[in-house]
C-alpha cells in the first residue's frame, strides 16, 4: 500500500460521497431501466471505493502508530544523548581541575616548596640486604638464648 496523506484520503472520501449521491438519484422510481443499470454499476464502483478507503485508513493508522513509536524512540535517544553530553562536560571540568592541580603541585615541587607532613617520598630499599640482616639478628639472638 502506498503511503498516503490525510488530504488524499479526504479527496477519495469526497469522491465516494458524490458517487453515492448519484446512485441515489439514479435509483429513484421515475428513472428508466438504463438508469437502474448505471446505478448498479455505480454502486459496485462505490463498494470498491469504500473498500479502498478502508484499506487506506488502516494503512494511515499503521503509519501513525509507526511514527509514534519512532517519535518515542527519538525522545528516549535524545534524552540519553543529553545525559551523556552533561556527563562529558562534567568529566571535562574534572579533567581541567586535575590538570590545574597537577600543574600547581609540579610548580611547588620544582621550587622545593613541599610539606614533609603531607608529602610522601618513595625510596627504593634493598630487600635482600634487610633479609640477610634479619636472619643474622635472629640467629644471633638464638645463640644468646642457648648460652643462658
Protein backbone atom coordinates (compact mmCIF):
# COMPACT_ATOMS: atom_id res chain seq x y z
CA UNK A 1 0.00 0.00 0.00
CA UNK A 2 1.32 3.41 -0.92
CA UNK A 3 1.94 5.98 1.73
CA UNK A 4 -0.90 8.45 1.71
CA UNK A 5 -1.79 11.67 3.37
CA UNK A 6 -4.94 12.70 5.14
CA UNK A 7 -5.65 15.06 2.23
CA UNK A 8 -5.63 12.21 -0.29
CA UNK A 9 -7.97 10.23 1.92
CA UNK A 10 -10.41 13.12 2.19
CA UNK A 11 -10.40 13.58 -1.62
CA UNK A 12 -11.25 9.90 -2.12
CA UNK A 13 -13.94 10.06 0.57
CA UNK A 14 -15.49 13.09 -1.14
CA UNK A 15 -15.48 11.25 -4.47
CA UNK A 16 -17.21 8.28 -2.83
CA UNK A 17 -19.89 10.55 -1.40
CA UNK A 18 -20.55 12.06 -4.85
CA UNK A 19 -20.97 8.55 -6.28
CA UNK A 20 -23.41 7.70 -3.51
CA UNK A 21 -25.49 10.79 -4.29
CA UNK A 22 -25.51 9.89 -8.00
CA UNK A 23 -26.54 6.30 -7.22
CA UNK A 24 -29.40 7.53 -5.07
CA UNK A 25 -30.58 9.83 -7.88
CA UNK A 26 -30.49 7.03 -10.45
CA UNK A 27 -32.44 4.67 -8.19
CA UNK A 28 -35.44 6.97 -7.94
CA UNK A 29 -38.61 5.30 -9.28
CA UNK A 30 -39.05 7.74 -12.16
CA UNK A 31 -35.76 6.66 -13.81
CA UNK A 32 -35.81 4.05 -16.58
CA UNK A 33 -34.10 0.65 -16.78
CA UNK A 34 -30.87 2.09 -18.25
CA UNK A 35 -30.60 4.39 -15.27
CA UNK A 36 -31.04 1.39 -13.00
CA UNK A 37 -28.19 -0.48 -14.73
CA UNK A 38 -25.95 2.58 -14.43
CA UNK A 39 -26.95 2.85 -10.80
CA UNK A 40 -25.94 -0.78 -10.19
CA UNK A 41 -22.57 -0.25 -11.89
CA UNK A 42 -22.02 2.89 -9.87
CA UNK A 43 -22.95 1.03 -6.72
CA UNK A 44 -20.32 -1.63 -7.49
CA UNK A 45 -17.78 1.11 -8.13
CA UNK A 46 -18.85 2.74 -4.87
CA UNK A 47 -18.32 -0.53 -2.97
CA UNK A 48 -14.80 -0.80 -4.44
CA UNK A 49 -14.08 2.79 -3.40
CA UNK A 50 -15.35 2.03 0.10
CA UNK A 51 -13.01 -0.97 0.34
CA UNK A 52 -10.12 1.16 -0.92
CA UNK A 53 -10.91 3.85 1.65
CA UNK A 54 -10.91 1.30 4.48
CA UNK A 55 -7.54 -0.05 3.36
CA UNK A 56 -6.15 3.48 3.18
CA UNK A 57 -7.49 4.34 6.64
CA UNK A 58 -5.93 1.16 8.00
CA UNK A 59 -2.63 1.99 6.32
CA UNK A 60 -2.78 5.53 7.67
CA UNK A 61 -3.39 4.24 11.20
CA UNK A 62 -0.44 1.84 10.89
CA UNK A 63 1.76 4.71 9.72
CA UNK A 64 0.61 6.83 12.67
CA UNK A 65 1.47 4.02 15.09
CA UNK A 66 4.89 3.53 13.49
CA UNK A 67 5.53 7.28 13.62
CA UNK A 68 4.52 7.38 17.29
CA UNK A 69 6.88 4.50 18.13
CA UNK A 70 9.71 6.20 16.24
CA UNK A 71 8.95 9.50 17.97
CA UNK A 72 9.12 7.84 21.40
CA UNK A 73 12.41 6.18 20.46
CA UNK A 74 13.80 9.51 19.24
CA UNK A 75 12.79 11.17 22.52
CA UNK A 76 14.48 8.40 24.52
CA UNK A 77 17.67 8.59 22.43
CA UNK A 78 17.67 12.39 22.71
CA UNK A 79 17.38 12.13 26.50
CA UNK A 80 20.30 9.67 26.58
CA UNK A 81 22.31 11.99 24.35
CA UNK A 82 21.65 14.94 26.67
CA UNK A 83 22.66 12.86 29.70
CA UNK A 84 25.90 11.81 28.01
CA UNK A 85 26.63 15.42 26.99
CA UNK A 86 26.20 16.53 30.63
CA UNK A 87 28.44 13.66 31.75
CA UNK A 88 31.12 14.64 29.21
CA UNK A 89 31.04 18.27 30.38
CA UNK A 90 31.35 17.13 33.99
CA UNK A 91 34.32 14.90 33.12
CA UNK A 92 35.95 17.74 31.16
CA UNK A 93 35.59 20.05 34.19
CA UNK A 94 37.09 17.34 36.43
CA UNK A 95 39.94 16.84 33.94
CA UNK A 96 40.64 20.60 33.88
CA UNK A 97 40.60 20.71 37.68
CA UNK A 98 43.02 17.78 37.94
CA UNK A 99 45.36 19.27 35.31
CA UNK A 100 45.38 22.52 37.25
CA UNK A 101 46.13 20.68 40.48
CA UNK A 102 48.95 18.72 38.80
CA UNK A 103 50.46 21.95 37.44
CA UNK A 104 50.32 23.55 40.88
CA UNK A 105 51.94 20.55 42.55
CA UNK A 106 54.63 20.32 39.86
CA UNK A 107 55.46 24.00 40.26
CA UNK A 108 55.69 23.63 44.06
CA UNK A 109 57.92 20.59 43.67
CA UNK A 110 60.11 22.45 41.17
CA UNK A 111 60.66 25.25 43.70
CA UNK A 112 61.36 22.83 46.54
CA UNK A 113 58.19 24.01 48.26
CA UNK A 114 56.65 20.99 49.94
CA UNK A 115 55.43 19.98 53.37
CA UNK A 116 57.07 16.94 54.92
CA UNK A 117 53.81 16.07 56.68
CA UNK A 118 51.73 15.95 53.52
CA UNK A 119 54.37 14.78 51.03
CA UNK A 120 55.36 11.15 50.79
CA UNK A 121 58.70 10.24 49.27
CA UNK A 122 59.17 6.73 47.94
CA UNK A 123 62.60 5.17 48.44
CA UNK A 124 63.96 2.02 46.89
CA UNK A 125 65.05 -0.49 49.52
CA UNK A 126 67.38 -3.44 49.01
CA UNK A 127 65.18 -6.15 50.48
CA UNK A 128 67.88 -8.83 50.12
CA UNK A 129 70.24 -6.96 52.46
CA UNK A 130 67.46 -6.46 55.00
CA UNK A 131 66.53 -10.14 54.86
CA UNK A 132 70.17 -11.17 55.48
CA UNK A 133 70.48 -8.72 58.40
CA UNK A 134 67.25 -10.01 59.93
CA UNK A 135 68.45 -13.63 59.63
CA UNK A 136 71.74 -12.75 61.28
CA UNK A 137 69.96 -10.89 64.09
CA UNK A 138 67.58 -13.79 64.68
CA UNK A 139 70.43 -16.30 64.58
CA UNK A 140 72.46 -14.16 66.99
CA UNK A 141 69.51 -13.91 69.37
CA UNK A 142 69.11 -17.67 69.17
CA UNK A 143 72.77 -18.19 70.16
CA UNK A 144 72.37 -15.84 73.10
CA UNK A 145 69.34 -17.73 74.31
CA UNK A 146 71.08 -21.09 74.04
CA UNK A 147 74.08 -19.84 76.10
CA UNK A 148 71.94 -18.69 79.01
